[in-house]
């Protein structure tokens, strides 16, 4: 790797405001606000609205769309047509 062209990576705390969960990871992002972590050290903190702790896909609370029902509803409303090209 070439020296002096890559951004500095540092430990940063990301705090999910919706779930009340925080996790420490490395990032190039920086913040003026700091928080004291479980190890007693102070790290920059970045507040996020959604993370894997609160996103419906990862928590298992996402809704599955009934695509087969939508297709049938479309066919009832507009009818079916013959396949194109045959």
PDB file of N, CA and C in Angstrom:
ATOM      1  N   UNK A   1       0.837  -1.182   0.000  1.00  0.00           N
ATOM      2  CA  UNK A   1       0.000   0.000   0.000  1.00  0.00           C
ATOM      3  C   UNK A   1       0.882   1.245   0.000  1.00  0.00           C
ATOM      4  N   UNK A   2       0.413   2.251  -0.694  1.00  0.00           N
ATOM      5  CA  UNK A   2       1.160   3.498  -0.730  1.00  0.00           C
ATOM      6  C   UNK A   2       0.956   4.248   0.582  1.00  0.00           C
ATOM      7  N   UNK A   3       2.008   4.842   1.108  1.00  0.00           N
ATOM      8  CA  UNK A   3       1.853   5.610   2.361  1.00  0.00           C
ATOM      9  C   UNK A   3       1.153   6.939   2.110  1.00  0.00           C
ATOM     10  N   UNK A   4       0.463   7.434   3.132  1.00  0.00           N
ATOM     11  CA  UNK A   4      -0.171   8.756   3.196  1.00  0.00           C
ATOM     12  C   UNK A   4      -1.344   8.950   2.240  1.00  0.00           C
ATOM     13  N   UNK A   5      -1.920   7.897   1.658  1.00  0.00           N
ATOM     14  CA  UNK A   5      -3.077   8.106   0.792  1.00  0.00           C
ATOM     15  C   UNK A   5      -4.347   7.504   1.387  1.00  0.00           C
ATOM     16  N   UNK A   6      -4.235   6.721   2.440  1.00  0.00           N
ATOM     17  CA  UNK A   6      -5.395   6.068   3.036  1.00  0.00           C
ATOM     18  C   UNK A   6      -5.872   6.840   4.261  1.00  0.00           C
ATOM     19  N   UNK A   7      -7.174   6.925   4.481  1.00  0.00           N
ATOM     20  CA  UNK A   7      -7.671   7.640   5.661  1.00  0.00           C
ATOM     21  C   UNK A   7      -7.320   6.883   6.942  1.00  0.00           C
ATOM     22  N   UNK A   8      -7.258   7.619   8.020  1.00  0.00           N
ATOM     23  CA  UNK A   8      -6.911   7.046   9.313  1.00  0.00           C
ATOM     24  C   UNK A   8      -8.117   6.303   9.876  1.00  0.00           C
ATOM     25  N   UNK A   9      -7.914   5.062  10.267  1.00  0.00           N
ATOM     26  CA  UNK A   9      -8.971   4.256  10.869  1.00  0.00           C
ATOM     27  C   UNK A   9      -8.750   4.250  12.379  1.00  0.00           C
ATOM     28  N   UNK A  10      -9.822   4.504  13.126  1.00  0.00           N
ATOM     29  CA  UNK A  10      -9.710   4.594  14.586  1.00  0.00           C
ATOM     30  C   UNK A  10     -10.921   3.923  15.218  1.00  0.00           C
ATOM     31  N   UNK A  11     -10.839   3.549  16.493  1.00  0.00           N
ATOM     32  CA  UNK A  11     -12.012   2.996  17.181  1.00  0.00           C
ATOM     33  C   UNK A  11     -13.086   4.063  17.355  1.00  0.00           C
ATOM     34  N   UNK A  12     -14.334   3.701  17.030  1.00  0.00           N
ATOM     35  CA  UNK A  12     -15.467   4.618  17.131  1.00  0.00           C
ATOM     36  C   UNK A  12     -16.651   3.837  17.688  1.00  0.00           C
ATOM     37  N   UNK A  13     -17.451   4.479  18.543  1.00  0.00           N
ATOM     38  CA  UNK A  13     -18.661   3.871  19.073  1.00  0.00           C
ATOM     39  C   UNK A  13     -19.833   4.342  18.220  1.00  0.00           C
ATOM     40  N   UNK A  14     -20.588   3.382  17.674  1.00  0.00           N
ATOM     41  CA  UNK A  14     -21.828   3.686  16.966  1.00  0.00           C
ATOM     42  C   UNK A  14     -22.969   3.353  17.904  1.00  0.00           C
ATOM     43  N   UNK A  15     -23.852   4.328  18.119  1.00  0.00           N
ATOM     44  CA  UNK A  15     -24.958   4.164  19.057  1.00  0.00           C
ATOM     45  C   UNK A  15     -26.278   4.217  18.302  1.00  0.00           C
ATOM     46  N   UNK A  16     -27.052   3.142  18.389  1.00  0.00           N
ATOM     47  CA  UNK A  16     -28.364   3.060  17.742  1.00  0.00           C
ATOM     48  C   UNK A  16     -29.379   3.685  18.688  1.00  0.00           C
ATOM     49  N   UNK A  17     -29.940   4.828  18.292  1.00  0.00           N
ATOM     50  CA  UNK A  17     -30.871   5.540  19.158  1.00  0.00           C
ATOM     51  C   UNK A  17     -32.202   4.817  19.290  1.00  0.00           C
ATOM     52  N   UNK A  18     -32.627   4.072  18.261  1.00  0.00           N
ATOM     53  CA  UNK A  18     -33.916   3.390  18.302  1.00  0.00           C
ATOM     54  C   UNK A  18     -33.897   2.193  19.238  1.00  0.00           C
ATOM     55  N   UNK A  19     -32.804   1.435  19.234  1.00  0.00           N
ATOM     56  CA  UNK A  19     -32.738   0.213  20.039  1.00  0.00           C
ATOM     57  C   UNK A  19     -32.007   0.418  21.363  1.00  0.00           C
ATOM     58  N   UNK A  20     -31.292   1.524  21.499  1.00  0.00           N
ATOM     59  CA  UNK A  20     -30.545   1.760  22.719  1.00  0.00           C
ATOM     60  C   UNK A  20     -29.321   0.867  22.830  1.00  0.00           C
ATOM     61  N   UNK A  21     -28.749   0.485  21.700  1.00  0.00           N
ATOM     62  CA  UNK A  21     -27.595  -0.397  21.655  1.00  0.00           C
ATOM     63  C   UNK A  21     -26.413   0.384  21.114  1.00  0.00           C
ATOM     64  N   UNK A  22     -25.234   0.116  21.654  1.00  0.00           N
ATOM     65  CA  UNK A  22     -24.019   0.745  21.157  1.00  0.00           C
ATOM     66  C   UNK A  22     -22.984  -0.341  20.905  1.00  0.00           C
ATOM     67  N   UNK A  23     -22.157  -0.130  19.886  1.00  0.00           N
ATOM     68  CA  UNK A  23     -21.089  -1.085  19.621  1.00  0.00           C
ATOM     69  C   UNK A  23     -19.837  -0.343  19.189  1.00  0.00           C
ATOM     70  N   UNK A  24     -18.713  -0.912  19.562  1.00  0.00           N
ATOM     71  CA  UNK A  24     -17.410  -0.326  19.285  1.00  0.00           C
ATOM     72  C   UNK A  24     -16.818  -1.036  18.079  1.00  0.00           C
ATOM     73  N   UNK A  25     -16.390  -0.256  17.100  1.00  0.00           N
ATOM     74  CA  UNK A  25     -15.783  -0.808  15.892  1.00  0.00           C
ATOM     75  C   UNK A  25     -14.762   0.192  15.372  1.00  0.00           C
ATOM     76  N   UNK A  26     -14.064  -0.166  14.315  1.00  0.00           N
ATOM     77  CA  UNK A  26     -13.109   0.747  13.703  1.00  0.00           C
ATOM     78  C   UNK A  26     -13.774   1.440  12.524  1.00  0.00           C
ATOM     79  N   UNK A  27     -13.469   2.724  12.354  1.00  0.00           N
ATOM     80  CA  UNK A  27     -14.062   3.488  11.273  1.00  0.00           C
ATOM     81  C   UNK A  27     -13.178   4.685  10.954  1.00  0.00           C
ATOM     82  N   UNK A  28     -13.367   5.228   9.764  1.00  0.00           N
ATOM     83  CA  UNK A  28     -12.677   6.462   9.402  1.00  0.00           C
ATOM     84  C   UNK A  28     -13.499   7.678   9.794  1.00  0.00           C
ATOM     85  N   UNK A  29     -14.755   7.452  10.204  1.00  0.00           N
ATOM     86  CA  UNK A  29     -15.614   8.555  10.635  1.00  0.00           C
ATOM     87  C   UNK A  29     -15.122   9.101  11.976  1.00  0.00           C
ATOM     88  N   UNK A  30     -15.357  10.381  12.194  1.00  0.00           N
ATOM     89  CA  UNK A  30     -14.943  11.011  13.446  1.00  0.00           C
ATOM     90  C   UNK A  30     -16.080  11.886  13.952  1.00  0.00           C
ATOM     91  N   UNK A  31     -16.060  12.179  15.239  1.00  0.00           N
ATOM     92  CA  UNK A  31     -17.099  13.000  15.845  1.00  0.00           C
ATOM     93  C   UNK A  31     -16.488  13.850  16.947  1.00  0.00           C
ATOM     94  N   UNK A  32     -17.106  14.997  17.185  1.00  0.00           N
ATOM     95  CA  UNK A  32     -16.655  15.865  18.276  1.00  0.00           C
ATOM     96  C   UNK A  32     -17.138  15.338  19.621  1.00  0.00           C
ATOM     97  N   UNK A  33     -18.266  14.638  19.621  1.00  0.00           N
ATOM     98  CA  UNK A  33     -18.801  14.090  20.873  1.00  0.00           C
ATOM     99  C   UNK A  33     -18.080  12.802  21.226  1.00  0.00           C
ATOM    100  N   UNK A  34     -17.907  12.576  22.522  1.00  0.00           N
ATOM    101  CA  UNK A  34     -17.203  11.384  22.990  1.00  0.00           C
ATOM    102  C   UNK A  34     -18.039  10.697  24.055  1.00  0.00           C
ATOM    103  N   UNK A  35     -17.778   9.407  24.242  1.00  0.00           N
ATOM    104  CA  UNK A  35     -18.471   8.620  25.246  1.00  0.00           C
ATOM    105  C   UNK A  35     -17.453   7.696  25.897  1.00  0.00           C
ATOM    106  N   UNK A  36     -17.658   7.443  27.188  1.00  0.00           N
ATOM    107  CA  UNK A  36     -16.773   6.517  27.889  1.00  0.00           C
ATOM    108  C   UNK A  36     -17.300   5.103  27.677  1.00  0.00           C
ATOM    109  N   UNK A  37     -16.440   4.221  27.198  1.00  0.00           N
ATOM    110  CA  UNK A  37     -16.813   2.848  26.880  1.00  0.00           C
ATOM    111  C   UNK A  37     -16.588   1.947  28.076  1.00  0.00           C
ATOM    112  N   UNK A  38     -16.987   0.689  27.949  1.00  0.00           N
ATOM    113  CA  UNK A  38     -16.914  -0.280  29.041  1.00  0.00           C
ATOM    114  C   UNK A  38     -15.492  -0.518  29.533  1.00  0.00           C
ATOM    115  N   UNK A  39     -14.494  -0.302  28.673  1.00  0.00           N
ATOM    116  CA  UNK A  39     -13.105  -0.514  29.072  1.00  0.00           C
ATOM    117  C   UNK A  39     -12.504   0.697  29.780  1.00  0.00           C
ATOM    118  N   UNK A  40     -13.298   1.759  29.961  1.00  0.00           N
ATOM    119  CA  UNK A  40     -12.843   2.952  30.659  1.00  0.00           C
ATOM    120  C   UNK A  40     -12.251   4.010  29.747  1.00  0.00           C
ATOM    121  N   UNK A  41     -12.018   3.687  28.485  1.00  0.00           N
ATOM    122  CA  UNK A  41     -11.459   4.647  27.541  1.00  0.00           C
ATOM    123  C   UNK A  41     -12.579   5.491  26.928  1.00  0.00           C
ATOM    124  N   UNK A  42     -12.205   6.661  26.430  1.00  0.00           N
ATOM    125  CA  UNK A  42     -13.156   7.565  25.806  1.00  0.00           C
ATOM    126  C   UNK A  42     -12.998   7.486  24.295  1.00  0.00           C
ATOM    127  N   UNK A  43     -14.127   7.280  23.586  1.00  0.00           N
ATOM    128  CA  UNK A  43     -14.115   7.143  22.137  1.00  0.00           C
ATOM    129  C   UNK A  43     -15.106   8.119  21.516  1.00  0.00           C
ATOM    130  N   UNK A  44     -14.874   8.503  20.247  1.00  0.00           N
ATOM    131  CA  UNK A  44     -15.876   9.311  19.545  1.00  0.00           C
ATOM    132  C   UNK A  44     -17.156   8.491  19.388  1.00  0.00           C
ATOM    133  N   UNK A  45     -18.307   9.158  19.468  1.00  0.00           N
ATOM    134  CA  UNK A  45     -19.587   8.457  19.339  1.00  0.00           C
ATOM    135  C   UNK A  45     -20.357   9.047  18.163  1.00  0.00           C
ATOM    136  N   UNK A  46     -20.935   8.160  17.359  1.00  0.00           N
ATOM    137  CA  UNK A  46     -21.761   8.558  16.230  1.00  0.00           C
ATOM    138  C   UNK A  46     -23.129   7.929  16.427  1.00  0.00           C
ATOM    139  N   UNK A  47     -24.161   8.769  16.465  1.00  0.00           N
ATOM    140  CA  UNK A  47     -25.530   8.290  16.636  1.00  0.00           C
ATOM    141  C   UNK A  47     -26.124   7.942  15.276  1.00  0.00           C
ATOM    142  N   UNK A  48     -26.719   6.750  15.193  1.00  0.00           N
ATOM    143  CA  UNK A  48     -27.378   6.311  13.963  1.00  0.00           C
ATOM    144  C   UNK A  48     -28.835   6.008  14.281  1.00  0.00           C
ATOM    145  N   UNK A  49     -29.691   6.126  13.269  1.00  0.00           N
ATOM    146  CA  UNK A  49     -31.114   5.864  13.474  1.00  0.00           C
ATOM    147  C   UNK A  49     -31.445   4.381  13.375  1.00  0.00           C
ATOM    148  N   UNK A  50     -30.731   3.659  12.529  1.00  0.00           N
ATOM    149  CA  UNK A  50     -31.021   2.247  12.309  1.00  0.00           C
ATOM    150  C   UNK A  50     -29.717   1.469  12.232  1.00  0.00           C
ATOM    151  N   UNK A  51     -29.686   0.338  12.900  1.00  0.00           N
ATOM    152  CA  UNK A  51     -28.559  -0.582  12.801  1.00  0.00           C
ATOM    153  C   UNK A  51     -29.118  -1.997  12.751  1.00  0.00           C
ATOM    154  N   UNK A  52     -28.254  -2.978  12.795  1.00  0.00           N
ATOM    155  CA  UNK A  52     -28.727  -4.359  12.762  1.00  0.00           C
ATOM    156  C   UNK A  52     -29.539  -4.700  14.007  1.00  0.00           C
ATOM    157  N   UNK A  53     -29.404  -3.919  15.068  1.00  0.00           N
ATOM    158  CA  UNK A  53     -30.162  -4.171  16.294  1.00  0.00           C
ATOM    159  C   UNK A  53     -31.610  -3.700  16.188  1.00  0.00           C
ATOM    160  N   UNK A  54     -31.898  -2.770  15.278  1.00  0.00           N
ATOM    161  CA  UNK A  54     -33.268  -2.253  15.189  1.00  0.00           C
ATOM    162  C   UNK A  54     -33.894  -2.401  13.799  1.00  0.00           C
ATOM    163  N   UNK A  55     -33.131  -2.829  12.811  1.00  0.00           N
ATOM    164  CA  UNK A  55     -33.680  -2.960  11.460  1.00  0.00           C
ATOM    165  C   UNK A  55     -34.593  -4.186  11.382  1.00  0.00           C
ATOM    166  N   UNK A  56     -35.790  -4.039  10.810  1.00  0.00           N
ATOM    167  CA  UNK A  56     -36.748  -5.143  10.777  1.00  0.00           C
ATOM    168  C   UNK A  56     -36.219  -6.404  10.090  1.00  0.00           C
ATOM    169  N   UNK A  57     -35.373  -6.265   9.090  1.00  0.00           N
ATOM    170  CA  UNK A  57     -34.853  -7.454   8.407  1.00  0.00           C
ATOM    171  C   UNK A  57     -34.008  -8.297   9.343  1.00  0.00           C
ATOM    172  N   UNK A  58     -33.173  -7.672  10.155  1.00  0.00           N
ATOM    173  CA  UNK A  58     -32.274  -8.401  11.033  1.00  0.00           C
ATOM    174  C   UNK A  58     -32.945  -8.843  12.328  1.00  0.00           C
ATOM    175  N   UNK A  59     -33.989  -8.152  12.745  1.00  0.00           N
ATOM    176  CA  UNK A  59     -34.660  -8.527  13.986  1.00  0.00           C
ATOM    177  C   UNK A  59     -35.742  -9.569  13.760  1.00  0.00           C
ATOM    178  N   UNK A  60     -36.084  -9.836  12.496  1.00  0.00           N
ATOM    179  CA  UNK A  60     -37.089 -10.843  12.186  1.00  0.00           C
ATOM    180  C   UNK A  60     -38.507 -10.324  12.236  1.00  0.00           C
ATOM    181  N   UNK A  61     -38.691  -9.025  12.295  1.00  0.00           N
ATOM    182  CA  UNK A  61     -40.033  -8.461  12.363  1.00  0.00           C
ATOM    183  C   UNK A  61     -40.485  -7.890  11.023  1.00  0.00           C
ATOM    184  N   UNK A  62     -39.735  -8.194   9.958  1.00  0.00           N
ATOM    185  CA  UNK A  62     -40.120  -7.658   8.656  1.00  0.00           C
ATOM    186  C   UNK A  62     -41.346  -8.391   8.125  1.00  0.00           C
ATOM    187  N   UNK A  63     -42.085  -7.703   7.271  1.00  0.00           N
ATOM    188  CA  UNK A  63     -43.293  -8.282   6.687  1.00  0.00           C
ATOM    189  C   UNK A  63     -42.951  -8.902   5.348  1.00  0.00           C
ATOM    190  N   UNK A  64     -43.493 -10.067   5.100  1.00  0.00           N
ATOM    191  CA  UNK A  64     -43.306 -10.725   3.819  1.00  0.00           C
ATOM    192  C   UNK A  64     -44.469 -10.325   2.924  1.00  0.00           C
ATOM    193  N   UNK A  65     -44.155  -9.806   1.757  1.00  0.00           N
ATOM    194  CA  UNK A  65     -45.204  -9.398   0.834  1.00  0.00           C
ATOM    195  C   UNK A  65     -45.793 -10.627   0.152  1.00  0.00           C
ATOM    196  N   UNK A  66     -47.085 -10.612  -0.021  1.00  0.00           N
ATOM    197  CA  UNK A  66     -47.785 -11.704  -0.667  1.00  0.00           C
ATOM    198  C   UNK A  66     -47.779 -11.444  -2.171  1.00  0.00           C
ATOM    199  N   UNK A  67     -46.680 -11.793  -2.837  1.00  0.00           N
ATOM    200  CA  UNK A  67     -46.573 -11.502  -4.265  1.00  0.00           C
ATOM    201  C   UNK A  67     -47.522 -12.363  -5.082  1.00  0.00           C
ATOM    202  N   UNK A  68     -47.753 -13.593  -4.670  1.00  0.00           N
ATOM    203  CA  UNK A  68     -48.680 -14.440  -5.424  1.00  0.00           C
ATOM    204  C   UNK A  68     -50.085 -13.858  -5.363  1.00  0.00           C
ATOM    205  N   UNK A  69     -50.492 -13.345  -4.227  1.00  0.00           N
ATOM    206  CA  UNK A  69     -51.802 -12.717  -4.097  1.00  0.00           C
ATOM    207  C   UNK A  69     -51.920 -11.476  -4.946  1.00  0.00           C
ATOM    208  N   UNK A  70     -50.849 -10.724  -5.052  1.00  0.00           N
ATOM    209  CA  UNK A  70     -50.874  -9.516  -5.876  1.00  0.00           C
ATOM    210  C   UNK A  70     -50.985  -9.864  -7.350  1.00  0.00           C
ATOM    211  N   UNK A  71     -50.314 -10.918  -7.776  1.00  0.00           N
ATOM    212  CA  UNK A  71     -50.398 -11.332  -9.173  1.00  0.00           C
ATOM    213  C   UNK A  71     -51.812 -11.794  -9.500  1.00  0.00           C
ATOM    214  N   UNK A  72     -52.398 -12.581  -8.607  1.00  0.00           N
ATOM    215  CA  UNK A  72     -53.772 -13.042  -8.833  1.00  0.00           C
ATOM    216  C   UNK A  72     -54.753 -11.871  -8.858  1.00  0.00           C
ATOM    217  N   UNK A  73     -54.547 -10.908  -8.000  1.00  0.00           N
ATOM    218  CA  UNK A  73     -55.405  -9.731  -7.978  1.00  0.00           C
ATOM    219  C   UNK A  73     -55.280  -8.959  -9.294  1.00  0.00           C
ATOM    220  N   UNK A  74     -54.065  -8.834  -9.807  1.00  0.00           N
ATOM    221  CA  UNK A  74     -53.848  -8.165 -11.077  1.00  0.00           C
ATOM    222  C   UNK A  74     -54.567  -8.913 -12.199  1.00  0.00           C
ATOM    223  N   UNK A  75     -54.452 -10.233 -12.213  1.00  0.00           N
ATOM    224  CA  UNK A  75     -55.093 -11.028 -13.272  1.00  0.00           C
ATOM    225  C   UNK A  75     -56.609 -10.950 -13.182  1.00  0.00           C
ATOM    226  N   UNK A  76     -57.158 -10.919 -11.975  1.00  0.00           N
ATOM    227  CA  UNK A  76     -58.619 -10.777 -11.842  1.00  0.00           C
ATOM    228  C   UNK A  76     -59.081  -9.419 -12.351  1.00  0.00           C
ATOM    229  N   UNK A  77     -58.314  -8.410 -12.057  1.00  0.00           N
ATOM    230  CA  UNK A  77     -58.704  -7.060 -12.423  1.00  0.00           C
ATOM    231  C   UNK A  77     -58.554  -6.805 -13.921  1.00  0.00           C
ATOM    232  N   UNK A  78     -57.433  -7.234 -14.500  1.00  0.00           N
ATOM    233  CA  UNK A  78     -57.138  -6.890 -15.899  1.00  0.00           C
ATOM    234  C   UNK A  78     -57.214  -8.082 -16.834  1.00  0.00           C
ATOM    235  N   UNK A  79     -57.397  -9.276 -16.308  1.00  0.00           N
ATOM    236  CA  UNK A  79     -57.475 -10.457 -17.148  1.00  0.00           C
ATOM    237  C   UNK A  79     -56.103 -10.932 -17.573  1.00  0.00           C
ATOM    238  N   UNK A  80     -56.056 -12.143 -18.110  1.00  0.00           N
ATOM    239  CA  UNK A  80     -54.781 -12.665 -18.575  1.00  0.00           C
ATOM    240  C   UNK A  80     -54.695 -12.500 -20.067  1.00  0.00           C
ATOM    241  N   UNK A  81     -53.502 -12.414 -20.575  1.00  0.00           N
ATOM    242  CA  UNK A  81     -53.286 -12.280 -21.999  1.00  0.00           C
ATOM    243  C   UNK A  81     -52.456 -13.461 -22.481  1.00  0.00           C
ATOM    244  N   UNK A  82     -52.479 -13.699 -23.788  1.00  0.00           N
ATOM    245  CA  UNK A  82     -51.682 -14.774 -24.361  1.00  0.00           C
ATOM    246  C   UNK A  82     -50.215 -14.392 -24.289  1.00  0.00           C
ATOM    247  N   UNK A  83     -49.327 -15.372 -24.158  1.00  0.00           N
ATOM    248  CA  UNK A  83     -47.896 -15.074 -24.117  1.00  0.00           C
ATOM    249  C   UNK A  83     -47.449 -14.390 -25.403  1.00  0.00           C
ATOM    250  N   UNK A  84     -46.567 -13.438 -25.303  1.00  0.00           N
ATOM    251  CA  UNK A  84     -46.078 -12.675 -26.447  1.00  0.00           C
ATOM    252  C   UNK A  84     -44.975 -13.472 -27.126  1.00  0.00           C
ATOM    253  N   UNK A  85     -44.992 -13.512 -28.458  1.00  0.00           N
ATOM    254  CA  UNK A  85     -43.906 -14.140 -29.201  1.00  0.00           C
ATOM    255  C   UNK A  85     -44.133 -15.591 -29.539  1.00  0.00           C
ATOM    256  N   UNK A  86     -45.235 -16.168 -29.191  1.00  0.00           N
ATOM    257  CA  UNK A  86     -45.455 -17.574 -29.514  1.00  0.00           C
ATOM    258  C   UNK A  86     -46.772 -17.782 -30.172  1.00  0.00           C
TER     259      UNK A  86
END
